[in-house]
Amino acid sequence: MKIVFAGTPEFAREALAALHAAGFEIALVLTQPDRPAGRGMKLQASPVKQFAQDHGIAVAQPPSLKLDGKHAEAAQAAQATLEAVQADVMVVAAYGLILPKRTLALPRLGCLNIHGSLLPRWRGAAPIHRAIEAGDSETGITIMQMDEGLDTGDMLLMEREPIRPEDTTALLHDRLASLGGRMIVEALELAACGGLKPVKQPDAGVTYAHKIGKAEAAIDWTLPASQIARRVRAFDPFPGTTFQWADGPGADTIKLWSASVVPASGKPGDILHAQGETLVVACGAQALALHTLQRPGGKRQGAEDFLRNGPAAPRILGLKSQNKP
């Protein structure tokens, strides 16, 4: 079976590695163009491109696959390359570009997507983040037959994964990436013998996992402590959750990386305790114990080091409003 693989981040690299290890013929890899990253903002290849180059797999990086618009010429060249490959199937995992109808129809078996949720819940760009933020008890991987809609295609395989109380997006991402790699190998083995049975997605239970925006990072202390704690886990590693430490224009923007709910009360934003290993802030309901924090330009540190090595705690933290998805 000849495969074209389309993906960009680490989640996709795991699937590509699993397909390669299973011995599938990967004729071409599509990934997004190199992006500037790091302190020097040098162009950096995606994890998928790095894997492909390390294993001698051909790579194409069109900025778009739409045959109209400012990248039409590059898209037409990419389309011609795909047609020449004559792939049996395209596997798509967190590619980040829209596949037009003409591209979806090219492979003999169509395009299969590895999606990080139990569809139809959390269609869209950030299913892992939103599942944790919402307090879901489980998520999983759905292997889906792609169509022109946003994650609306028929389901081919599904497997569940519990969301643990301590899970951050980083931790859950890694388990789902590994699960997705195993499941796409299984799906292609079934496809080779006609064993895949498409199931239409139900109309009930549809939710959308909107892309995470930096504006969501600011903590709104008027929210319940449980909701803030979920966001802290959901927004790790990106974009993190933040609050202002100290009053006035010289306030530092602090990132909060871990926290837990405690049974205390007070005016939202009030610092109820700031001594030793304990830093507790009142919320709209109950309070939040802040465990791991990070000053601008610094490293993550526990509450005791944070309190000892910085300016004195203000009386109240700012009630900066937060955009809600």
C-alpha atoms as a PDB file:
ATOM      1  CA  MET A   1       0.000   0.000   0.000  1.00  0.00           C
ATOM      2  CA  LYS A   2       1.439   3.341  -1.094  1.00  0.00           C
ATOM      3  CA  ILE A   3       0.886   6.198   1.362  1.00  0.00           C
ATOM      4  CA  VAL A   4       1.061   9.973   1.281  1.00  0.00           C
ATOM      5  CA  PHE A   5       1.373  11.347   4.811  1.00  0.00           C
ATOM      6  CA  ALA A   6       0.292  14.899   5.707  1.00  0.00           C
ATOM      7  CA  GLY A   7       1.148  16.295   9.132  1.00  0.00           C
ATOM      8  CA  THR A   8       3.248  18.866  10.931  1.00  0.00           C
ATOM      9  CA  PRO A   9       3.741  18.737  14.763  1.00  0.00           C
ATOM     10  CA  GLU A  10       4.963  16.065  17.170  1.00  0.00           C
ATOM     11  CA  PHE A  11       1.499  14.454  17.318  1.00  0.00           C
ATOM     12  CA  ALA A  12       1.809  13.717  13.595  1.00  0.00           C
ATOM     13  CA  ARG A  13       5.452  12.639  13.819  1.00  0.00           C
ATOM     14  CA  GLU A  14       4.428   9.821  16.165  1.00  0.00           C
ATOM     15  CA  ALA A  15       1.978   8.495  13.562  1.00  0.00           C
ATOM     16  CA  LEU A  16       4.510   8.788  10.753  1.00  0.00           C
ATOM     17  CA  ALA A  17       7.076   6.904  12.833  1.00  0.00           C
ATOM     18  CA  ALA A  18       4.553   4.129  13.542  1.00  0.00           C
ATOM     19  CA  LEU A  19       3.718   3.747   9.849  1.00  0.00           C
ATOM     20  CA  HIS A  20       7.397   3.672   8.940  1.00  0.00           C
ATOM     21  CA  ALA A  21       8.141   1.060  11.625  1.00  0.00           C
ATOM     22  CA  ALA A  22       5.249  -1.077  10.368  1.00  0.00           C
ATOM     23  CA  GLY A  23       6.858  -1.207   6.916  1.00  0.00           C
ATOM     24  CA  PHE A  24       4.337   0.777   4.896  1.00  0.00           C
ATOM     25  CA  GLU A  25       5.565   2.438   1.723  1.00  0.00           C
ATOM     26  CA  ILE A  26       5.502   6.189   2.419  1.00  0.00           C
ATOM     27  CA  ALA A  27       5.944   7.765  -1.005  1.00  0.00           C
ATOM     28  CA  LEU A  28       5.611  11.417   0.021  1.00  0.00           C
ATOM     29  CA  VAL A  29       5.265  13.560   3.121  1.00  0.00           C
ATOM     30  CA  LEU A  30       3.374  16.860   3.121  1.00  0.00           C
ATOM     31  CA  THR A  31       4.122  19.268   5.949  1.00  0.00           C
ATOM     32  CA  GLN A  32       3.810  22.998   6.517  1.00  0.00           C
ATOM     33  CA  PRO A  33       6.614  25.355   5.483  1.00  0.00           C
ATOM     34  CA  ASP A  34       9.485  25.916   7.927  1.00  0.00           C
ATOM     35  CA  ARG A  35       8.659  28.520  10.583  1.00  0.00           C
ATOM     36  CA  PRO A  36      10.915  30.871  12.582  1.00  0.00           C
ATOM     37  CA  ALA A  37      11.370  29.632  16.149  1.00  0.00           C
ATOM     38  CA  GLY A  38      13.607  30.051  19.188  1.00  0.00           C
ATOM     39  CA  ARG A  39      15.417  33.122  20.448  1.00  0.00           C
ATOM     40  CA  GLY A  40      17.163  33.664  17.129  1.00  0.00           C
ATOM     41  CA  MET A  41      13.902  33.161  15.191  1.00  0.00           C
ATOM     42  CA  LYS A  42      15.690  30.930  12.712  1.00  0.00           C
ATOM     43  CA  LEU A  43      13.649  28.841  10.306  1.00  0.00           C
ATOM     44  CA  GLN A  44      12.936  25.451  11.839  1.00  0.00           C
ATOM     45  CA  ALA A  45      11.671  22.312  10.157  1.00  0.00           C
ATOM     46  CA  SER A  46       8.570  20.653  11.598  1.00  0.00           C
ATOM     47  CA  PRO A  47       8.955  17.392  13.564  1.00  0.00           C
ATOM     48  CA  VAL A  48       7.380  15.563  10.609  1.00  0.00           C
ATOM     49  CA  LYS A  49       9.858  17.030   8.132  1.00  0.00           C
ATOM     50  CA  GLN A  50      12.775  16.174  10.402  1.00  0.00           C
ATOM     51  CA  PHE A  51      11.639  12.549  10.627  1.00  0.00           C
ATOM     52  CA  ALA A  52      11.088  12.296   6.880  1.00  0.00           C
ATOM     53  CA  GLN A  53      14.509  13.711   6.067  1.00  0.00           C
ATOM     54  CA  ASP A  54      16.191  11.426   8.603  1.00  0.00           C
ATOM     55  CA  HIS A  55      14.614   8.429   6.872  1.00  0.00           C
ATOM     56  CA  GLY A  56      15.020   9.461   3.237  1.00  0.00           C
ATOM     57  CA  ILE A  57      11.338  10.183   2.555  1.00  0.00           C
ATOM     58  CA  ALA A  58      10.453  12.815  -0.049  1.00  0.00           C
ATOM     59  CA  VAL A  59       8.975  16.012   1.406  1.00  0.00           C
ATOM     60  CA  ALA A  60       6.750  18.737  -0.079  1.00  0.00           C
ATOM     61  CA  GLN A  61       5.860  21.943   1.780  1.00  0.00           C
ATOM     62  CA  PRO A  62       3.224  23.895  -0.130  1.00  0.00           C
ATOM     63  CA  PRO A  63       1.907  26.970   1.713  1.00  0.00           C
ATOM     64  CA  SER A  64      -1.590  26.020   0.552  1.00  0.00           C
ATOM     65  CA  LEU A  65      -3.417  23.307  -1.392  1.00  0.00           C
ATOM     66  CA  LYS A  66      -6.154  25.647  -2.628  1.00  0.00           C
ATOM     67  CA  LEU A  67      -5.953  26.060  -6.394  1.00  0.00           C
ATOM     68  CA  ASP A  68      -7.029  29.703  -6.214  1.00  0.00           C
ATOM     69  CA  GLY A  69      -5.629  32.587  -4.203  1.00  0.00           C
ATOM     70  CA  LYS A  70      -2.108  33.941  -3.790  1.00  0.00           C
ATOM     71  CA  HIS A  71      -0.514  30.487  -3.470  1.00  0.00           C
ATOM     72  CA  ALA A  72      -2.298  28.999  -6.476  1.00  0.00           C
ATOM     73  CA  GLU A  73       0.891  28.241  -8.387  1.00  0.00           C
ATOM     74  CA  ALA A  74       2.438  26.348  -5.464  1.00  0.00           C
ATOM     75  CA  ALA A  75      -0.838  24.511  -4.873  1.00  0.00           C
ATOM     76  CA  GLN A  76      -1.032  23.440  -8.502  1.00  0.00           C
ATOM     77  CA  ALA A  77       2.521  22.106  -8.338  1.00  0.00           C
ATOM     78  CA  ALA A  78       1.690  20.178  -5.156  1.00  0.00           C
ATOM     79  CA  GLN A  79      -1.453  18.777  -6.751  1.00  0.00           C
ATOM     80  CA  ALA A  80       0.566  17.587  -9.744  1.00  0.00           C
ATOM     81  CA  THR A  81       3.058  15.920  -7.399  1.00  0.00           C
ATOM     82  CA  LEU A  82       0.244  14.143  -5.564  1.00  0.00           C
ATOM     83  CA  GLU A  83      -1.289  12.958  -8.829  1.00  0.00           C
ATOM     84  CA  ALA A  84       2.053  11.569  -9.953  1.00  0.00           C
ATOM     85  CA  VAL A  85       2.485   9.582  -6.732  1.00  0.00           C
ATOM     86  CA  GLN A  86      -0.763   7.648  -7.340  1.00  0.00           C
ATOM     87  CA  ALA A  87      -1.125   6.841  -3.653  1.00  0.00           C
ATOM     88  CA  ASP A  88      -3.582   4.296  -2.339  1.00  0.00           C
ATOM     89  CA  VAL A  89      -4.356   6.414   0.717  1.00  0.00           C
ATOM     90  CA  MET A  90      -3.444   9.708   2.360  1.00  0.00           C
ATOM     91  CA  VAL A  91      -3.022   9.745   6.134  1.00  0.00           C
ATOM     92  CA  VAL A  92      -3.600  13.156   7.736  1.00  0.00           C
ATOM     93  CA  ALA A  93      -2.654  14.105  11.300  1.00  0.00           C
ATOM     94  CA  ALA A  94      -2.619  17.711  12.520  1.00  0.00           C
ATOM     95  CA  TYR A  95      -1.518  18.944   9.112  1.00  0.00           C
ATOM     96  CA  GLY A  96      -2.882  22.455   9.557  1.00  0.00           C
ATOM     97  CA  LEU A  97      -3.912  23.066   5.937  1.00  0.00           C
ATOM     98  CA  ILE A  98      -7.350  22.546   4.382  1.00  0.00           C
ATOM     99  CA  LEU A  99      -7.557  19.709   1.849  1.00  0.00           C
ATOM    100  CA  PRO A 100      -9.761  20.714  -1.082  1.00  0.00           C
ATOM    101  CA  LYS A 101     -12.216  18.275  -2.636  1.00  0.00           C
ATOM    102  CA  ARG A 102      -9.871  17.501  -5.516  1.00  0.00           C
ATOM    103  CA  THR A 103      -7.125  16.439  -3.126  1.00  0.00           C
ATOM    104  CA  LEU A 104      -9.477  14.380  -0.960  1.00  0.00           C
ATOM    105  CA  ALA A 105     -10.567  12.416  -4.026  1.00  0.00           C
ATOM    106  CA  LEU A 106      -7.082  11.574  -5.318  1.00  0.00           C
ATOM    107  CA  PRO A 107      -6.139   8.442  -3.332  1.00  0.00           C
ATOM    108  CA  ARG A 108      -7.908   5.181  -4.143  1.00  0.00           C
ATOM    109  CA  LEU A 109      -8.976   4.777  -0.498  1.00  0.00           C
ATOM    110  CA  GLY A 110      -9.404   8.479   0.171  1.00  0.00           C
ATOM    111  CA  CYS A 111      -7.905  10.389   3.108  1.00  0.00           C
ATOM    112  CA  LEU A 112      -7.884   9.070   6.674  1.00  0.00           C
ATOM    113  CA  ASN A 113      -7.553  11.490   9.571  1.00  0.00           C
ATOM    114  CA  ILE A 114      -6.204  10.800  13.076  1.00  0.00           C
ATOM    115  CA  HIS A 115      -8.313  13.004  15.341  1.00  0.00           C
ATOM    116  CA  GLY A 116      -7.632  13.483  19.058  1.00  0.00           C
ATOM    117  CA  SER A 117     -11.152  13.161  20.437  1.00  0.00           C
ATOM    118  CA  LEU A 118     -14.197  10.900  20.539  1.00  0.00           C
ATOM    119  CA  LEU A 119     -16.134  12.377  17.642  1.00  0.00           C
ATOM    120  CA  PRO A 120     -18.491  14.133  17.272  1.00  0.00           C
ATOM    121  CA  ARG A 121     -17.344  15.726  20.546  1.00  0.00           C
ATOM    122  CA  TRP A 122     -14.557  18.267  20.063  1.00  0.00           C
ATOM    123  CA  ARG A 123     -14.366  18.665  16.339  1.00  0.00           C
ATOM    124  CA  GLY A 124     -11.817  21.305  15.417  1.00  0.00           C
ATOM    125  CA  ALA A 125      -8.326  22.546  16.152  1.00  0.00           C
ATOM    126  CA  ALA A 126      -7.770  21.996  19.896  1.00  0.00           C
ATOM    127  CA  PRO A 127      -9.608  18.850  21.043  1.00  0.00           C
ATOM    128  CA  ILE A 128      -7.091  17.848  23.734  1.00  0.00           C
ATOM    129  CA  HIS A 129      -7.037  21.287  25.379  1.00  0.00           C
ATOM    130  CA  ARG A 130     -10.802  21.690  25.341  1.00  0.00           C
ATOM    131  CA  ALA A 131     -11.506  18.225  26.747  1.00  0.00           C
ATOM    132  CA  ILE A 132      -9.350  18.963  29.807  1.00  0.00           C
ATOM    133  CA  GLU A 133     -10.727  22.491  30.162  1.00  0.00           C
ATOM    134  CA  ALA A 134     -14.311  21.187  30.090  1.00  0.00           C
ATOM    135  CA  GLY A 135     -13.619  18.600  32.788  1.00  0.00           C
ATOM    136  CA  ASP A 136     -14.262  15.579  30.564  1.00  0.00           C
ATOM    137  CA  SER A 137     -13.496  12.230  32.198  1.00  0.00           C
ATOM    138  CA  GLU A 138     -12.319  10.635  28.975  1.00  0.00           C
ATOM    139  CA  THR A 139     -11.263  11.359  25.424  1.00  0.00           C
ATOM    140  CA  GLY A 140      -9.606   9.210  22.775  1.00  0.00           C
ATOM    141  CA  ILE A 141      -8.673   8.825  19.138  1.00  0.00           C
ATOM    142  CA  THR A 142     -11.029   8.605  16.183  1.00  0.00           C
ATOM    143  CA  ILE A 143      -9.769   7.433  12.790  1.00  0.00           C
ATOM    144  CA  MET A 144     -12.050   9.200  10.344  1.00  0.00           C
ATOM    145  CA  GLN A 145     -12.703   9.114   6.618  1.00  0.00           C
ATOM    146  CA  MET A 146     -12.223  12.739   5.618  1.00  0.00           C
ATOM    147  CA  ASP A 147     -14.821  14.759   3.729  1.00  0.00           C
ATOM    148  CA  GLU A 148     -15.115  18.478   2.994  1.00  0.00           C
ATOM    149  CA  GLY A 149     -16.560  19.322   6.414  1.00  0.00           C
ATOM    150  CA  LEU A 150     -14.722  20.165   9.629  1.00  0.00           C
ATOM    151  CA  ASP A 151     -14.132  16.716  11.146  1.00  0.00           C
ATOM    152  CA  THR A 152     -17.532  15.540   9.933  1.00  0.00           C
ATOM    153  CA  GLY A 153     -16.532  12.380   8.037  1.00  0.00           C
ATOM    154  CA  ASP A 154     -17.498   8.794   8.793  1.00  0.00           C
ATOM    155  CA  MET A 155     -15.798   7.150  11.776  1.00  0.00           C
ATOM    156  CA  LEU A 156     -13.683   4.081  11.030  1.00  0.00           C
ATOM    157  CA  LEU A 157     -12.052   3.233  14.366  1.00  0.00           C
ATOM    158  CA  MET A 158     -12.369   4.678  17.861  1.00  0.00           C
ATOM    159  CA  GLU A 159     -10.560   4.003  21.123  1.00  0.00           C
ATOM    160  CA  ARG A 160     -11.083   5.670  24.494  1.00  0.00           C
ATOM    161  CA  GLU A 161      -8.450   7.122  26.823  1.00  0.00           C
ATOM    162  CA  PRO A 162      -9.219   8.272  30.402  1.00  0.00           C
ATOM    163  CA  ILE A 163      -8.315  11.820  31.390  1.00  0.00           C
ATOM    164  CA  ARG A 164      -6.448  11.599  34.691  1.00  0.00           C
ATOM    165  CA  PRO A 165      -6.834  14.223  37.426  1.00  0.00           C
ATOM    166  CA  GLU A 166      -3.215  15.346  36.967  1.00  0.00           C
ATOM    167  CA  ASP A 167      -3.263  15.405  33.152  1.00  0.00           C
ATOM    168  CA  THR A 168      -1.992  18.480  31.360  1.00  0.00           C
ATOM    169  CA  THR A 169      -2.376  18.886  27.622  1.00  0.00           C
ATOM    170  CA  ALA A 170       1.301  17.911  27.283  1.00  0.00           C
ATOM    171  CA  LEU A 171       0.833  14.628  29.156  1.00  0.00           C
ATOM    172  CA  LEU A 172      -2.431  13.675  27.483  1.00  0.00           C
ATOM    173  CA  HIS A 173      -1.076  14.691  24.073  1.00  0.00           C
ATOM    174  CA  ASP A 174       1.767  12.199  24.350  1.00  0.00           C
ATOM    175  CA  ARG A 175      -0.530   9.289  25.230  1.00  0.00           C
ATOM    176  CA  LEU A 176      -2.956  10.154  22.434  1.00  0.00           C
ATOM    177  CA  ALA A 177      -0.141  10.552  19.914  1.00  0.00           C
ATOM    178  CA  SER A 178       1.096   7.063  20.725  1.00  0.00           C
ATOM    179  CA  LEU A 179      -2.437   5.691  20.571  1.00  0.00           C
ATOM    180  CA  GLY A 180      -3.042   7.407  17.225  1.00  0.00           C
ATOM    181  CA  GLY A 181       0.095   5.842  15.770  1.00  0.00           C
ATOM    182  CA  ARG A 182      -0.984   2.363  16.780  1.00  0.00           C
ATOM    183  CA  MET A 183      -4.543   2.865  15.540  1.00  0.00           C
ATOM    184  CA  ILE A 184      -3.602   4.195  12.093  1.00  0.00           C
ATOM    185  CA  VAL A 185      -1.430   1.130  11.509  1.00  0.00           C
ATOM    186  CA  GLU A 186      -4.393  -1.041  12.481  1.00  0.00           C
ATOM    187  CA  ALA A 187      -6.718   0.970  10.229  1.00  0.00           C
ATOM    188  CA  LEU A 188      -4.499   0.579   7.177  1.00  0.00           C
ATOM    189  CA  GLU A 189      -4.080  -3.133   7.790  1.00  0.00           C
ATOM    190  CA  LEU A 190      -7.873  -3.437   7.905  1.00  0.00           C
ATOM    191  CA  ALA A 191      -8.252  -1.232   4.820  1.00  0.00           C
ATOM    192  CA  ALA A 192      -5.924  -3.507   2.863  1.00  0.00           C
ATOM    193  CA  CYS A 193      -8.349  -6.399   3.300  1.00  0.00           C
ATOM    194  CA  GLY A 194     -11.584  -4.404   3.115  1.00  0.00           C
ATOM    195  CA  GLY A 195     -12.181  -4.662   6.860  1.00  0.00           C
ATOM    196  CA  LEU A 196     -12.986  -1.037   7.667  1.00  0.00           C
ATOM    197  CA  LYS A 197     -16.654  -0.375   8.419  1.00  0.00           C
ATOM    198  CA  PRO A 198     -17.609   3.338   8.156  1.00  0.00           C
ATOM    199  CA  VAL A 199     -20.054   4.661  10.756  1.00  0.00           C
ATOM    200  CA  LYS A 200     -21.743   8.026  10.315  1.00  0.00           C
ATOM    201  CA  GLN A 201     -21.260  10.504  13.127  1.00  0.00           C
ATOM    202  CA  PRO A 202     -24.386  11.095  15.225  1.00  0.00           C
ATOM    203  CA  ASP A 203     -26.066  14.476  15.088  1.00  0.00           C
ATOM    204  CA  ALA A 204     -26.258  14.652  18.883  1.00  0.00           C
ATOM    205  CA  GLY A 205     -23.273  15.610  21.001  1.00  0.00           C
ATOM    206  CA  VAL A 206     -21.430  17.828  18.516  1.00  0.00           C
ATOM    207  CA  THR A 207     -19.028  20.310  20.131  1.00  0.00           C
ATOM    208  CA  TYR A 208     -16.265  22.434  18.607  1.00  0.00           C
ATOM    209  CA  ALA A 209     -12.736  22.738  19.956  1.00  0.00           C
ATOM    210  CA  HIS A 210     -11.856  26.269  18.932  1.00  0.00           C
ATOM    211  CA  LYS A 211      -8.195  27.148  18.542  1.00  0.00           C
ATOM    212  CA  ILE A 212      -6.501  28.278  21.750  1.00  0.00           C
ATOM    213  CA  GLY A 213      -5.776  32.013  21.755  1.00  0.00           C
ATOM    214  CA  LYS A 214      -3.180  33.876  23.812  1.00  0.00           C
ATOM    215  CA  ALA A 215      -5.959  36.154  25.058  1.00  0.00           C
ATOM    216  CA  GLU A 216      -7.393  33.199  27.005  1.00  0.00           C
ATOM    217  CA  ALA A 217      -4.271  32.972  29.170  1.00  0.00           C
ATOM    218  CA  ALA A 218      -5.213  35.725  31.658  1.00  0.00           C
ATOM    219  CA  ILE A 219      -6.792  34.279  34.801  1.00  0.00           C
ATOM    220  CA  ASP A 220     -10.180  35.631  35.834  1.00  0.00           C
ATOM    221  CA  TRP A 221     -10.272  35.082  39.600  1.00  0.00           C
ATOM    222  CA  THR A 222     -14.058  35.544  39.675  1.00  0.00           C
ATOM    223  CA  LEU A 223     -14.384  32.106  38.065  1.00  0.00           C
ATOM    224  CA  PRO A 224     -14.714  29.018  40.288  1.00  0.00           C
ATOM    225  CA  ALA A 225     -11.367  27.631  41.455  1.00  0.00           C
ATOM    226  CA  SER A 226     -12.133  24.272  39.819  1.00  0.00           C
ATOM    227  CA  GLN A 227     -12.576  25.917  36.421  1.00  0.00           C
ATOM    228  CA  ILE A 228      -9.334  27.879  36.733  1.00  0.00           C
ATOM    229  CA  ALA A 229      -7.452  24.724  37.803  1.00  0.00           C
ATOM    230  CA  ARG A 230      -8.688  22.895  34.705  1.00  0.00           C
ATOM    231  CA  ARG A 231      -7.540  25.758  32.498  1.00  0.00           C
ATOM    232  CA  VAL A 232      -4.116  25.700  34.116  1.00  0.00           C
ATOM    233  CA  ARG A 233      -3.769  22.047  33.083  1.00  0.00           C
ATOM    234  CA  ALA A 234      -5.392  22.561  29.689  1.00  0.00           C
ATOM    235  CA  PHE A 235      -3.120  25.469  28.756  1.00  0.00           C
ATOM    236  CA  ASP A 236       0.129  23.653  29.597  1.00  0.00           C
ATOM    237  CA  PRO A 237       2.344  23.925  27.564  1.00  0.00           C
ATOM    238  CA  PHE A 238       0.557  26.646  25.512  1.00  0.00           C
ATOM    239  CA  PRO A 239      -0.344  29.410  26.116  1.00  0.00           C
ATOM    240  CA  GLY A 240      -0.040  28.971  29.875  1.00  0.00           C
ATOM    241  CA  THR A 241      -2.219  30.861  32.355  1.00  0.00           C
ATOM    242  CA  THR A 242      -1.121  34.259  33.640  1.00  0.00           C
ATOM    243  CA  PHE A 243      -1.797  36.879  36.303  1.00  0.00           C
ATOM    244  CA  GLN A 244      -0.298  40.200  37.379  1.00  0.00           C
ATOM    245  CA  TRP A 245       1.954  40.211  40.478  1.00  0.00           C
ATOM    246  CA  ALA A 246       2.224  43.580  42.295  1.00  0.00           C
ATOM    247  CA  ASP A 247       0.296  46.763  41.608  1.00  0.00           C
ATOM    248  CA  GLY A 248       0.812  49.487  39.036  1.00  0.00           C
ATOM    249  CA  PRO A 249       2.653  49.666  35.715  1.00  0.00           C
ATOM    250  CA  GLY A 250       5.675  47.750  37.047  1.00  0.00           C
ATOM    251  CA  ALA A 251       3.696  44.552  37.673  1.00  0.00           C
ATOM    252  CA  ASP A 252       5.175  41.273  36.438  1.00  0.00           C
ATOM    253  CA  THR A 253       3.128  38.884  34.331  1.00  0.00           C
ATOM    254  CA  ILE A 254       3.443  35.541  36.098  1.00  0.00           C
ATOM    255  CA  LYS A 255       2.683  32.190  34.501  1.00  0.00           C
ATOM    256  CA  LEU A 256       0.914  29.607  36.615  1.00  0.00           C
ATOM    257  CA  TRP A 257       1.684  25.991  35.687  1.00  0.00           C
ATOM    258  CA  SER A 258       0.089  23.934  38.452  1.00  0.00           C
ATOM    259  CA  ALA A 259      -2.558  24.580  41.076  1.00  0.00           C
ATOM    260  CA  SER A 260      -5.180  22.805  43.166  1.00  0.00           C
ATOM    261  CA  VAL A 261      -8.539  23.689  44.671  1.00  0.00           C
ATOM    262  CA  VAL A 262      -8.686  24.320  48.438  1.00  0.00           C
ATOM    263  CA  PRO A 263     -11.750  24.879  50.669  1.00  0.00           C
ATOM    264  CA  ALA A 264     -11.318  28.549  51.481  1.00  0.00           C
ATOM    265  CA  SER A 265     -13.169  31.715  50.569  1.00  0.00           C
ATOM    266  CA  GLY A 266     -12.665  35.431  50.176  1.00  0.00           C
ATOM    267  CA  LYS A 267     -13.018  38.259  47.703  1.00  0.00           C
ATOM    268  CA  PRO A 268     -11.912  36.990  44.251  1.00  0.00           C
ATOM    269  CA  GLY A 269      -8.254  37.799  43.725  1.00  0.00           C
ATOM    270  CA  ASP A 270      -7.469  38.228  47.434  1.00  0.00           C
ATOM    271  CA  ILE A 271      -4.271  36.501  48.541  1.00  0.00           C
ATOM    272  CA  LEU A 272      -5.412  34.478  51.538  1.00  0.00           C
ATOM    273  CA  HIS A 273      -2.039  33.038  52.440  1.00  0.00           C
ATOM    274  CA  ALA A 274       1.505  33.714  51.203  1.00  0.00           C
ATOM    275  CA  GLN A 275       4.040  32.061  53.439  1.00  0.00           C
ATOM    276  CA  GLY A 276       6.408  29.105  53.180  1.00  0.00           C
ATOM    277  CA  GLU A 277       5.190  26.625  50.559  1.00  0.00           C
ATOM    278  CA  THR A 278       1.673  28.021  50.530  1.00  0.00           C
ATOM    279  CA  LEU A 279       0.264  30.645  48.197  1.00  0.00           C
ATOM    280  CA  VAL A 280      -3.530  30.679  48.181  1.00  0.00           C
ATOM    281  CA  VAL A 281      -5.808  32.992  46.181  1.00  0.00           C
ATOM    282  CA  ALA A 282      -9.563  33.396  46.607  1.00  0.00           C
ATOM    283  CA  CYS A 283     -11.729  32.690  43.562  1.00  0.00           C
ATOM    284  CA  GLY A 284     -15.380  33.069  42.639  1.00  0.00           C
ATOM    285  CA  ALA A 285     -16.004  29.786  44.444  1.00  0.00           C
ATOM    286  CA  GLN A 286     -13.464  28.269  46.838  1.00  0.00           C
ATOM    287  CA  ALA A 287      -9.770  29.130  46.432  1.00  0.00           C
ATOM    288  CA  LEU A 288      -6.730  28.075  44.474  1.00  0.00           C
ATOM    289  CA  ALA A 289      -3.376  26.948  45.893  1.00  0.00           C
ATOM    290  CA  LEU A 290      -0.668  27.992  43.428  1.00  0.00           C
ATOM    291  CA  HIS A 291       2.091  25.371  43.248  1.00  0.00           C
ATOM    292  CA  THR A 292       4.329  26.014  40.233  1.00  0.00           C
ATOM    293  CA  LEU A 293       4.952  29.517  38.868  1.00  0.00           C
ATOM    294  CA  GLN A 294       7.279  31.284  36.444  1.00  0.00           C
ATOM    295  CA  ARG A 295       8.494  34.866  36.345  1.00  0.00           C
ATOM    296  CA  PRO A 296       9.325  36.565  33.016  1.00  0.00           C
ATOM    297  CA  GLY A 297      12.606  35.173  31.713  1.00  0.00           C
ATOM    298  CA  GLY A 298      12.844  32.684  34.576  1.00  0.00           C
ATOM    299  CA  LYS A 299      12.290  28.982  35.082  1.00  0.00           C
ATOM    300  CA  ARG A 300       9.341  27.213  36.618  1.00  0.00           C
ATOM    301  CA  GLN A 301       9.624  27.094  40.401  1.00  0.00           C
ATOM    302  CA  GLY A 302       7.622  26.048  43.425  1.00  0.00           C
ATOM    303  CA  ALA A 303       5.607  28.519  45.483  1.00  0.00           C
ATOM    304  CA  GLU A 304       8.188  28.642  48.305  1.00  0.00           C
ATOM    305  CA  ASP A 305      11.042  29.667  45.975  1.00  0.00           C
ATOM    306  CA  PHE A 306       8.735  32.051  44.144  1.00  0.00           C
ATOM    307  CA  LEU A 307       7.808  33.853  47.372  1.00  0.00           C
ATOM    308  CA  ARG A 308      11.346  33.864  48.745  1.00  0.00           C
ATOM    309  CA  ASN A 309      13.114  35.148  45.617  1.00  0.00           C
ATOM    310  CA  GLY A 310      10.803  37.945  44.511  1.00  0.00           C
ATOM    311  CA  PRO A 311       8.998  41.061  45.702  1.00  0.00           C
ATOM    312  CA  ALA A 312       6.505  40.836  48.527  1.00  0.00           C
ATOM    313  CA  ALA A 313       3.040  39.561  47.716  1.00  0.00           C
ATOM    314  CA  PRO A 314       0.429  42.215  46.911  1.00  0.00           C
ATOM    315  CA  ARG A 315      -2.830  42.146  48.814  1.00  0.00           C
ATOM    316  CA  ILE A 316      -4.922  41.330  45.760  1.00  0.00           C
ATOM    317  CA  LEU A 317      -4.248  40.071  42.260  1.00  0.00           C
ATOM    318  CA  GLY A 318      -5.754  41.881  39.286  1.00  0.00           C
ATOM    319  CA  LEU A 319      -9.174  40.789  38.054  1.00  0.00           C
ATOM    320  CA  LYS A 320      -8.194  40.929  34.416  1.00  0.00           C
ATOM    321  CA  SER A 321     -11.089  39.741  32.257  1.00  0.00           C
ATOM    322  CA  GLN A 322     -10.652  36.613  30.221  1.00  0.00           C
ATOM    323  CA  ASN A 323     -12.017  35.809  26.792  1.00  0.00           C
ATOM    324  CA  LYS A 324     -14.113  32.674  27.013  1.00  0.00           C
ATOM    325  CA  PRO A 325     -14.397  30.294  24.064  1.00  0.00           C
END
